[in-house]
Amino acid sequence: MANRLLSSIPPSYFKTAMSSDAKQGPLPLINLAVGIPDGETPEPILNAAADALYKEENQRYGLFRGKQSFKDMIIRFYLDQYGIELAEHNIALLYGTKSALVQFPMMFIEPGEGVYLPNPGYPDYAAGVRLARGEVYDLPLLPENDYLPDYDSLPAVELGNARLVYLNYPSNPLGAVADRGFFDRTIEKFKDTKTRIVHDFAYAPFSFGGPHPSILESDPDLECAIEIYSLSKGFNMSGFRVGFAVGNHEMIEAINTYQDHTQTGMWGVLQDASVTALENAAEILPRQEEKFRRRSNRVTGAFTEMGIPINPIRGGIFGWIQVPEGHDGESFKDLLLKDQSILVTPGIPFGSRGRDYIRISLAVSDQVLENIISRFGNIRHLWQ
């Protein structure tokens, strides 16, 4: 039996909610509820992993804070991609980025301190704040502000107690992006306060109007922000569970110290494969970006033509769709499953501002994407 604190945390939506009682319709099921990029991991990465398996050094416990070769490659990658100069003490290797995003409040804030979480935003952020006995503060993302937070509208009492602000651009679930100016304003707002920034950069490669900036470009002295970078999406390595955090030394050292006590070093095979991934970034990432840019254009154009209100997908791998009048996200999810055999994610788990929305994933083949457009076309009258 879990203790009272853990028992007080609502179950993870993505573990439980897809076991709905709603019955699938007669058509073959299309699952748009998960954000796992389709296709295989690129061959150079697989070959590197296969070779690394036979290295004797990878069959033993590794260094707690990772191989020098992986950390050196991260330094080179961030310099090449974003012009950011990192040192080894600005890097923490991660066993999947979700773990760090959920655990970070537990290793950084004090009980009672506040953490601003985007609304709509990734559901599991909140679990870490509650496990840290912190206060969840609402960071509204509104269409009139291009889904960027308006810091001037936040209550002064909350701002004075806030220890962390979580950001996520390109956004899951909104498909919104941020520009350099926004990150400049963010750093200027918080750099001389006790508040620190965690930028979830999981969808970094998927920015369809040009390369997406890193928040560290606006914080070149690494004073008050870290960025959480995932290899899962851009490199098709979701099963590998590899990522890294980079940025402010104090925040990075908190992660490394925590992992010193809870981990025994990332498997060397994963690190060697990740080195090859980053070495081949200039070839791999543009292919991924082009694939999802093409899909986002196709879906956005088709849905708009059918009169189905979908957010502009400026980045990421998801579409955010307003449900027809008379429904909320949960009821419309059930209707789609029964009527069109399409499984989607309702917007409710992403926060109170997601109640009247659903999220669809673009991580399906082009042929399946055409089937999706056709099936939504069958019910377009619901929005009329």
Protein backbone atom coordinates (compact mmCIF):
# COMPACT_ATOMS: atom_id res chain seq x y z
CA MET A 1 0.00 0.00 0.00
CA ALA A 2 1.41 3.39 -1.00
CA ASN A 3 1.82 6.10 1.62
CA ARG A 4 -0.79 8.83 1.93
CA LEU A 5 1.13 11.32 -0.19
CA LEU A 6 1.52 8.99 -3.16
CA SER A 7 -2.03 7.72 -2.76
CA SER A 8 -3.29 11.31 -2.95
CA ILE A 9 -1.94 11.74 -6.50
CA PRO A 10 -4.56 11.02 -9.18
CA PRO A 11 -3.68 8.09 -11.47
CA SER A 12 -1.67 8.97 -14.56
CA TYR A 13 -4.17 9.67 -17.32
CA PHE A 14 -2.13 7.95 -19.99
CA LYS A 15 -2.00 4.77 -17.92
CA THR A 16 -5.69 4.51 -17.13
CA ALA A 17 -7.94 6.60 -19.34
CA MET A 18 -7.54 4.66 -22.56
CA SER A 19 -9.36 1.70 -21.01
CA SER A 20 -12.69 3.41 -21.69
CA ASP A 21 -15.97 1.53 -21.57
CA ALA A 22 -16.90 3.05 -24.92
CA LYS A 23 -16.99 0.42 -27.63
CA GLN A 24 -15.06 0.70 -30.86
CA GLY A 25 -17.09 1.11 -34.03
CA PRO A 26 -17.05 -1.27 -37.02
CA LEU A 27 -14.06 0.28 -38.79
CA PRO A 28 -10.43 -0.73 -38.09
CA LEU A 29 -9.13 1.14 -35.05
CA ILE A 30 -6.88 4.17 -35.59
CA ASN A 31 -5.01 5.17 -32.44
CA LEU A 32 -4.25 8.90 -32.38
CA ALA A 33 -3.86 9.05 -28.60
CA VAL A 34 -0.11 8.47 -28.39
CA GLY A 35 2.79 10.61 -29.51
CA ILE A 36 5.28 7.94 -30.53
CA PRO A 37 6.92 8.84 -33.87
CA ASP A 38 6.24 6.18 -36.47
CA GLY A 39 8.98 4.46 -38.40
CA GLU A 40 12.14 2.71 -37.29
CA THR A 41 15.10 4.17 -35.44
CA PRO A 42 17.62 5.29 -38.09
CA GLU A 43 20.03 2.54 -39.11
CA PRO A 44 23.28 4.21 -37.96
CA ILE A 45 21.87 4.39 -34.42
CA LEU A 46 20.79 0.75 -34.47
CA ASN A 47 24.19 -0.32 -35.78
CA ALA A 48 25.93 1.66 -33.06
CA ALA A 49 23.74 0.04 -30.40
CA ALA A 50 24.44 -3.44 -31.80
CA ASP A 51 28.19 -2.86 -31.82
CA ALA A 52 28.14 -1.32 -28.34
CA LEU A 53 26.43 -4.39 -26.91
CA TYR A 54 29.64 -6.37 -27.34
CA LYS A 55 31.93 -3.83 -25.68
CA GLU A 56 33.10 -5.23 -22.37
CA GLU A 57 32.89 -1.79 -20.73
CA ASN A 58 29.16 -1.73 -21.44
CA GLN A 59 28.54 -5.02 -19.65
CA ARG A 60 29.44 -3.55 -16.26
CA TYR A 61 28.30 -0.67 -14.09
CA GLY A 62 29.24 2.56 -15.79
CA LEU A 63 30.31 5.94 -14.45
CA PHE A 64 27.48 7.44 -12.41
CA ARG A 65 27.35 10.68 -14.39
CA GLY A 66 27.96 9.16 -17.79
CA LYS A 67 30.61 8.64 -20.41
CA GLN A 68 32.84 11.51 -21.38
CA SER A 69 32.15 10.75 -25.05
CA PHE A 70 28.40 11.35 -24.60
CA LYS A 71 28.86 14.56 -22.63
CA ASP A 72 31.39 15.86 -25.15
CA MET A 73 28.93 15.15 -27.96
CA ILE A 74 26.14 17.01 -26.15
CA ILE A 75 28.48 20.01 -25.81
CA ARG A 76 29.23 19.87 -29.53
CA PHE A 77 25.56 19.38 -30.45
CA TYR A 78 24.36 22.41 -28.49
CA LEU A 79 27.15 24.56 -29.90
CA ASP A 80 26.31 23.47 -33.47
CA GLN A 81 22.54 23.73 -33.09
CA TYR A 82 22.12 26.78 -30.85
CA GLY A 83 25.50 28.47 -30.42
CA ILE A 84 25.43 27.67 -26.69
CA GLU A 85 28.72 26.95 -24.92
CA LEU A 86 28.25 24.29 -22.24
CA ALA A 87 30.69 22.80 -19.77
CA GLU A 88 30.49 19.32 -18.30
CA HIS A 89 28.94 20.68 -15.08
CA ASN A 90 26.05 22.05 -17.16
CA ILE A 91 24.94 18.56 -18.25
CA ALA A 92 22.88 15.78 -16.64
CA LEU A 93 22.06 12.58 -18.50
CA LEU A 94 18.44 11.47 -18.15
CA TYR A 95 16.77 8.08 -18.16
CA GLY A 96 13.96 9.43 -20.30
CA THR A 97 12.94 13.06 -19.93
CA LYS A 98 9.58 12.40 -18.25
CA SER A 99 11.39 11.14 -15.16
CA ALA A 100 13.36 14.36 -14.78
CA LEU A 101 10.38 16.60 -15.48
CA VAL A 102 8.30 14.87 -12.81
CA GLN A 103 11.11 14.45 -10.28
CA PHE A 104 12.72 17.87 -10.54
CA PRO A 105 10.40 19.67 -8.08
CA MET A 106 11.11 16.92 -5.52
CA MET A 107 14.83 17.70 -5.66
CA PHE A 108 14.67 21.49 -5.98
CA ILE A 109 11.74 23.17 -4.23
CA GLU A 110 10.82 23.34 -0.56
CA PRO A 111 7.35 22.27 0.67
CA GLY A 112 4.85 25.06 0.12
CA GLU A 113 6.75 26.76 -2.70
CA GLY A 114 4.91 27.30 -5.97
CA VAL A 115 5.47 25.92 -9.45
CA TYR A 116 3.80 27.52 -12.46
CA LEU A 117 2.55 24.87 -14.90
CA PRO A 118 1.23 25.64 -18.40
CA ASN A 119 -2.52 25.27 -18.89
CA PRO A 120 -3.04 23.52 -21.28
CA GLY A 121 0.13 21.52 -20.68
CA TYR A 122 1.55 18.05 -20.17
CA PRO A 123 -0.52 16.30 -17.46
CA ASP A 124 2.26 14.61 -15.50
CA TYR A 125 4.09 17.80 -14.54
CA ALA A 126 1.65 18.28 -11.66
CA ALA A 127 2.39 14.92 -10.03
CA GLY A 128 5.96 15.96 -9.29
CA VAL A 129 4.86 19.24 -7.70
CA ARG A 130 2.39 17.45 -5.45
CA LEU A 131 4.94 14.79 -4.50
CA ALA A 132 7.28 17.64 -3.55
CA ARG A 133 4.48 19.08 -1.38
CA GLY A 134 4.55 22.19 -3.51
CA GLU A 135 1.77 24.43 -4.77
CA VAL A 136 0.58 24.15 -8.38
CA TYR A 137 0.13 27.62 -9.89
CA ASP A 138 -1.82 28.12 -13.09
CA LEU A 139 0.08 29.53 -16.09
CA PRO A 140 -2.68 30.37 -18.59
CA LEU A 141 -1.91 29.86 -22.29
CA LEU A 142 -4.51 31.83 -24.25
CA PRO A 143 -5.07 32.11 -28.01
CA GLU A 144 -5.11 35.90 -27.89
CA ASN A 145 -1.51 35.73 -26.63
CA ASP A 146 -0.45 33.12 -29.22
CA TYR A 147 -0.45 30.61 -26.34
CA LEU A 148 2.44 32.38 -24.61
CA PRO A 149 2.05 33.25 -20.91
CA ASP A 150 1.41 36.85 -19.90
CA TYR A 151 3.63 37.21 -16.84
CA ASP A 152 2.22 40.65 -16.00
CA SER A 153 -1.20 39.08 -15.36
CA LEU A 154 0.06 36.66 -12.70
CA PRO A 155 -0.83 37.39 -9.05
CA ALA A 156 1.94 39.12 -7.10
CA VAL A 157 1.50 36.75 -4.14
CA GLU A 158 2.10 33.74 -6.37
CA LEU A 159 5.07 35.32 -8.11
CA GLY A 160 6.68 36.01 -4.76
CA ASN A 161 6.35 32.36 -3.74
CA ALA A 162 7.15 30.75 -7.12
CA ARG A 163 10.31 28.66 -7.27
CA LEU A 164 9.85 27.20 -10.76
CA VAL A 165 8.14 27.98 -14.05
CA TYR A 166 7.62 25.13 -16.52
CA LEU A 167 7.51 25.95 -20.23
CA ASN A 168 7.10 23.66 -23.25
CA TYR A 169 7.70 24.90 -26.81
CA PRO A 170 6.96 23.59 -29.38
CA SER A 171 3.91 22.82 -27.30
CA ASN A 172 2.27 19.54 -26.43
CA PRO A 173 -0.70 19.68 -26.93
CA LEU A 174 -1.19 23.08 -28.57
CA GLY A 175 1.21 23.02 -31.51
CA ALA A 176 2.29 26.56 -30.53
CA VAL A 177 5.87 27.81 -30.70
CA ALA A 178 7.90 30.52 -28.95
CA ASP A 179 10.30 33.02 -30.45
CA ARG A 180 13.56 34.46 -29.17
CA GLY A 181 11.81 37.60 -27.98
CA PHE A 182 9.54 35.62 -25.66
CA PHE A 183 12.47 33.76 -24.14
CA ASP A 184 14.35 37.07 -23.74
CA ARG A 185 11.37 38.49 -21.80
CA THR A 186 11.14 35.36 -19.68
CA ILE A 187 14.78 35.48 -18.63
CA GLU A 188 14.59 39.22 -17.98
CA LYS A 189 11.50 38.70 -15.79
CA PHE A 190 13.01 36.03 -13.54
CA LYS A 191 16.80 36.30 -13.63
CA ASP A 192 17.09 38.42 -10.46
CA THR A 193 14.49 36.45 -8.51
CA LYS A 194 14.50 33.06 -6.79
CA THR A 195 12.33 31.66 -9.61
CA ARG A 196 13.99 29.29 -12.08
CA ILE A 197 12.82 28.08 -15.50
CA VAL A 198 12.47 24.51 -16.73
CA HIS A 199 11.98 24.34 -20.50
CA ASP A 200 10.67 21.00 -21.78
CA PHE A 201 12.23 20.90 -25.26
CA ALA A 202 10.95 17.44 -26.26
CA TYR A 203 9.74 18.64 -29.68
CA ALA A 204 12.74 20.80 -30.49
CA PRO A 205 13.19 19.54 -34.08
CA PHE A 206 9.55 20.11 -35.04
CA SER A 207 9.24 23.84 -35.69
CA PHE A 208 7.69 24.47 -39.08
CA GLY A 209 8.51 28.15 -39.55
CA GLY A 210 12.25 27.77 -39.13
CA PRO A 211 14.52 26.45 -36.36
CA HIS A 212 13.10 26.80 -32.87
CA PRO A 213 15.25 28.80 -30.43
CA SER A 214 16.64 27.31 -27.24
CA ILE A 215 15.80 29.23 -24.08
CA LEU A 216 19.52 29.10 -23.28
CA GLU A 217 20.18 31.46 -26.19
CA SER A 218 18.43 34.06 -24.02
CA ASP A 219 20.35 32.96 -20.92
CA PRO A 220 23.91 32.61 -22.28
CA ASP A 221 25.46 32.87 -18.81
CA LEU A 222 23.16 30.02 -17.70
CA GLU A 223 21.89 32.02 -14.73
CA CYS A 224 18.33 30.79 -14.30
CA ALA A 225 17.16 28.12 -16.77
CA ILE A 226 17.61 24.53 -17.79
CA GLU A 227 16.41 22.80 -20.92
CA ILE A 228 15.25 19.18 -21.02
CA TYR A 229 16.10 17.62 -24.40
CA SER A 230 14.71 14.27 -25.57
CA LEU A 231 16.13 11.92 -28.19
CA SER A 232 12.78 10.10 -28.37
CA LYS A 233 11.00 12.24 -30.93
CA GLY A 234 13.56 13.77 -33.28
CA PHE A 235 15.70 10.64 -33.48
CA ASN A 236 12.92 8.02 -33.29
CA MET A 237 14.45 6.61 -30.10
CA SER A 238 11.41 6.56 -27.79
CA GLY A 239 12.12 2.99 -26.62
CA PHE A 240 15.71 3.84 -25.71
CA ARG A 241 14.65 6.22 -22.90
CA VAL A 242 17.49 8.69 -23.29
CA GLY A 243 17.61 12.44 -22.88
CA PHE A 244 19.62 15.10 -21.13
CA ALA A 245 19.25 18.33 -19.19
CA VAL A 246 21.51 21.31 -19.87
CA GLY A 247 21.88 24.76 -18.39
CA ASN A 248 22.17 26.36 -14.95
CA HIS A 249 24.78 24.57 -12.82
CA GLU A 250 22.80 24.73 -9.56
CA MET A 251 19.77 23.08 -11.17
CA ILE A 252 21.86 20.52 -13.06
CA GLU A 253 23.77 19.60 -9.91
CA ALA A 254 20.46 18.92 -8.14
CA ILE A 255 19.58 16.39 -10.86
CA ASN A 256 23.02 14.79 -10.79
CA THR A 257 23.07 14.53 -7.00
CA TYR A 258 19.61 12.98 -6.95
CA GLN A 259 20.62 10.47 -9.61
CA ASP A 260 23.85 9.66 -7.74
CA HIS A 261 21.59 8.25 -5.03
CA THR A 262 18.89 6.67 -7.20
CA GLN A 263 20.73 5.38 -10.30
CA THR A 264 23.95 3.51 -11.01
CA GLY A 265 24.84 5.07 -14.35
CA MET A 266 23.14 4.92 -17.73
CA TRP A 267 23.76 1.75 -19.74
CA GLY A 268 26.76 2.33 -21.96
CA VAL A 269 24.96 0.91 -25.00
CA LEU A 270 22.37 3.69 -24.78
CA GLN A 271 25.09 6.31 -24.47
CA ASP A 272 27.09 5.00 -27.43
CA ALA A 273 23.94 4.87 -29.57
CA SER A 274 23.08 8.42 -28.51
CA VAL A 275 26.52 9.67 -29.48
CA THR A 276 25.92 8.32 -32.99
CA ALA A 277 22.47 9.91 -33.06
CA LEU A 278 23.84 13.35 -32.24
CA GLU A 279 26.73 12.88 -34.68
CA ASN A 280 24.16 12.33 -37.43
CA ALA A 281 21.75 15.07 -36.34
CA ALA A 282 22.31 17.14 -39.48
CA GLU A 283 20.96 14.28 -41.57
CA ILE A 284 18.32 12.77 -39.25
CA LEU A 285 16.54 15.80 -37.78
CA PRO A 286 15.67 17.57 -41.07
CA ARG A 287 14.04 14.38 -42.37
CA GLN A 288 11.89 14.12 -39.26
CA GLU A 289 10.98 17.80 -39.42
CA GLU A 290 10.01 17.59 -43.08
CA LYS A 291 7.83 14.54 -42.51
CA PHE A 292 5.82 16.16 -39.75
CA ARG A 293 5.68 19.56 -41.44
CA ARG A 294 4.12 17.90 -44.48
CA ARG A 295 1.62 16.10 -42.26
CA SER A 296 0.73 19.20 -40.27
CA ASN A 297 0.08 21.15 -43.47
CA ARG A 298 -2.10 18.37 -44.85
CA VAL A 299 -4.19 17.96 -41.69
CA THR A 300 -4.52 21.67 -40.95
CA GLY A 301 -5.55 22.42 -44.54
CA ALA A 302 -8.05 19.56 -44.78
CA PHE A 303 -9.68 20.20 -41.41
CA THR A 304 -9.93 23.94 -42.03
CA GLU A 305 -11.54 23.30 -45.40
CA MET A 306 -14.07 20.98 -43.73
CA GLY A 307 -14.92 23.63 -41.12
CA ILE A 308 -13.37 21.68 -38.24
CA PRO A 309 -11.67 24.15 -35.85
CA ILE A 310 -8.05 23.04 -35.45
CA ASN A 311 -5.27 25.17 -33.98
CA PRO A 312 -2.52 26.14 -36.41
CA ILE A 313 0.17 23.48 -35.97
CA ARG A 314 3.30 25.62 -35.92
CA GLY A 315 5.39 22.97 -34.20
CA GLY A 316 5.29 19.60 -32.48
CA ILE A 317 3.49 16.46 -33.60
CA PHE A 318 -0.08 17.05 -32.38
CA GLY A 319 -3.29 18.70 -33.52
CA TRP A 320 -5.54 20.51 -31.02
CA ILE A 321 -9.18 20.48 -32.10
CA GLN A 322 -12.20 22.19 -30.56
CA VAL A 323 -15.08 19.76 -30.14
CA PRO A 324 -18.60 20.43 -31.45
CA GLU A 325 -21.17 22.27 -29.34
CA GLY A 326 -22.89 19.98 -26.88
CA HIS A 327 -19.75 17.96 -26.17
CA ASP A 328 -16.68 18.15 -24.02
CA GLY A 329 -13.45 16.36 -24.79
CA GLU A 330 -14.41 13.18 -22.92
CA SER A 331 -17.83 12.75 -24.52
CA PHE A 332 -16.48 13.51 -27.98
CA LYS A 333 -13.64 11.01 -27.50
CA ASP A 334 -16.28 8.35 -26.83
CA LEU A 335 -18.32 9.39 -29.87
CA LEU A 336 -15.29 9.22 -32.15
CA LEU A 337 -14.40 5.77 -30.90
CA LYS A 338 -17.91 4.38 -31.32
CA ASP A 339 -18.78 6.15 -34.56
CA GLN A 340 -15.48 6.31 -36.46
CA SER A 341 -13.19 3.88 -34.56
CA ILE A 342 -10.73 6.71 -33.84
CA LEU A 343 -9.08 6.87 -30.43
CA VAL A 344 -8.00 10.37 -29.39
CA THR A 345 -6.93 12.07 -26.17
CA PRO A 346 -9.48 14.41 -24.59
CA GLY A 347 -8.17 17.81 -23.62
CA ILE A 348 -9.31 17.63 -19.99
CA PRO A 349 -6.11 16.00 -18.61
CA PHE A 350 -4.07 18.88 -20.07
CA GLY A 351 -5.78 21.38 -17.76
CA SER A 352 -9.02 23.25 -17.29
CA ARG A 353 -8.53 25.15 -20.56
CA GLY A 354 -8.55 21.86 -22.46
CA ARG A 355 -12.06 20.81 -21.49
CA ASP A 356 -13.61 21.54 -24.89
CA TYR A 357 -10.79 20.07 -26.99
CA ILE A 358 -9.28 16.83 -28.17
CA ARG A 359 -5.68 16.11 -29.14
CA ILE A 360 -4.74 14.02 -32.16
CA SER A 361 -1.29 12.65 -32.94
CA LEU A 362 0.31 13.03 -36.36
CA ALA A 363 2.61 10.08 -35.64
CA VAL A 364 0.93 7.76 -38.14
CA SER A 365 1.66 6.84 -41.74
CA ASP A 366 0.54 9.09 -44.58
CA GLN A 367 -2.02 6.49 -45.66
CA VAL A 368 -3.54 6.39 -42.17
CA LEU A 369 -3.56 10.18 -42.17
CA GLU A 370 -5.74 10.17 -45.29
CA ASN A 371 -8.11 7.73 -43.57
CA ILE A 372 -8.31 10.07 -40.60
CA ILE A 373 -9.24 13.01 -42.81
CA SER A 374 -11.89 10.89 -44.53
CA ARG A 375 -13.42 9.71 -41.26
CA PHE A 376 -13.53 13.20 -39.77
CA GLY A 377 -15.14 14.27 -43.02
CA ASN A 378 -17.97 11.83 -42.26
CA ILE A 379 -18.90 13.84 -39.17
CA ARG A 380 -17.99 17.35 -40.23
CA HIS A 381 -21.67 18.30 -40.00
CA LEU A 382 -21.38 18.17 -36.19
CA TRP A 383 -19.46 21.47 -36.30
CA GLN A 384 -21.88 23.23 -38.63
